[in-house]
């Protein structure tokens, strides 16, 4: 299943996933430097959906705050 996610790096609120009408909002403590925020996003989404990190792929927006992520829950 694919999800639209707005990522907010360097957030004091995180790590947290909120569901909104437009998709998901991910609050992450990690900065958006050297892929740290993307790695943290995959980790937080895996915990949120109850699946392994290998089942989550960033399909679109690897260098953007707006991402499309595919989650395979097996």
Protein backbone atom coordinates (compact mmCIF):
# COMPACT_ATOMS: atom_id res chain seq x y z
CA UNK A 1 0.00 0.00 0.00
CA UNK A 2 1.26 3.51 -0.82
CA UNK A 3 1.13 6.48 1.52
CA UNK A 4 1.80 10.19 1.06
CA UNK A 5 3.96 11.45 3.91
CA UNK A 6 5.06 14.92 4.92
CA UNK A 7 8.31 14.66 6.88
CA UNK A 8 9.30 17.20 9.52
CA UNK A 9 12.96 16.63 10.45
CA UNK A 10 14.63 18.19 13.53
CA UNK A 11 11.34 18.04 15.39
CA UNK A 12 11.20 18.08 19.16
CA UNK A 13 7.82 16.31 18.91
CA UNK A 14 9.19 13.12 17.36
CA UNK A 15 9.58 10.35 16.64
CA UNK A 16 5.88 10.31 15.88
CA UNK A 17 3.50 9.46 13.01
CA UNK A 18 0.20 11.34 12.78
CA UNK A 19 -2.61 10.40 10.43
CA UNK A 20 -4.33 13.33 8.69
CA UNK A 21 -6.90 13.66 5.92
CA UNK A 22 -4.12 14.32 3.38
CA UNK A 23 -1.95 11.37 4.40
CA UNK A 24 0.61 10.92 7.14
CA UNK A 25 2.86 13.41 8.92
CA UNK A 26 6.15 12.12 10.32
CA UNK A 27 7.92 14.09 13.05
CA UNK A 28 11.56 13.01 13.27
CA UNK A 29 14.35 14.13 15.61
CA UNK A 30 17.07 13.42 13.05
CA UNK A 31 18.27 16.14 10.66
CA UNK A 32 17.80 15.88 6.90
CA UNK A 33 21.53 15.34 6.32
CA UNK A 34 23.24 12.33 4.72
CA UNK A 35 20.02 10.29 4.63
CA UNK A 36 19.59 10.26 8.43
CA UNK A 37 15.98 11.45 8.25
CA UNK A 38 15.11 8.85 5.59
CA UNK A 39 16.59 6.05 7.72
CA UNK A 40 14.69 7.31 10.76
CA UNK A 41 11.49 7.52 8.72
CA UNK A 42 11.77 3.88 7.65
CA UNK A 43 12.40 2.84 11.25
CA UNK A 44 9.43 4.81 12.63
CA UNK A 45 7.10 3.60 9.88
CA UNK A 46 8.11 -0.01 10.50
CA UNK A 47 7.17 0.38 14.15
CA UNK A 48 3.93 2.22 13.30
CA UNK A 49 2.73 -0.43 10.83
CA UNK A 50 4.14 -3.41 12.74
CA UNK A 51 6.35 -4.68 9.93
CA UNK A 52 10.05 -5.09 9.20
CA UNK A 53 12.13 -2.20 7.86
CA UNK A 54 12.86 -4.17 4.68
CA UNK A 55 9.13 -4.02 3.82
CA UNK A 56 9.19 -0.20 3.55
CA UNK A 57 10.48 1.62 0.46
CA UNK A 58 10.64 5.31 -0.35
CA UNK A 59 9.19 5.41 -3.87
CA UNK A 60 9.29 9.15 -4.50
CA UNK A 61 10.82 12.20 -2.82
CA UNK A 62 14.01 10.83 -1.30
CA UNK A 63 15.41 14.38 -1.17
CA UNK A 64 12.12 16.13 -0.41
CA UNK A 65 9.95 16.63 2.67
CA UNK A 66 6.98 15.25 0.73
CA UNK A 67 7.42 11.54 0.07
CA UNK A 68 5.51 8.59 -1.29
CA UNK A 69 6.24 5.41 0.63
CA UNK A 70 5.24 1.84 -0.14
CA UNK A 71 4.52 -0.44 2.81
CA UNK A 72 4.22 -4.20 2.37
CA UNK A 73 2.64 -5.71 5.46
CA UNK A 74 3.26 -9.43 5.44
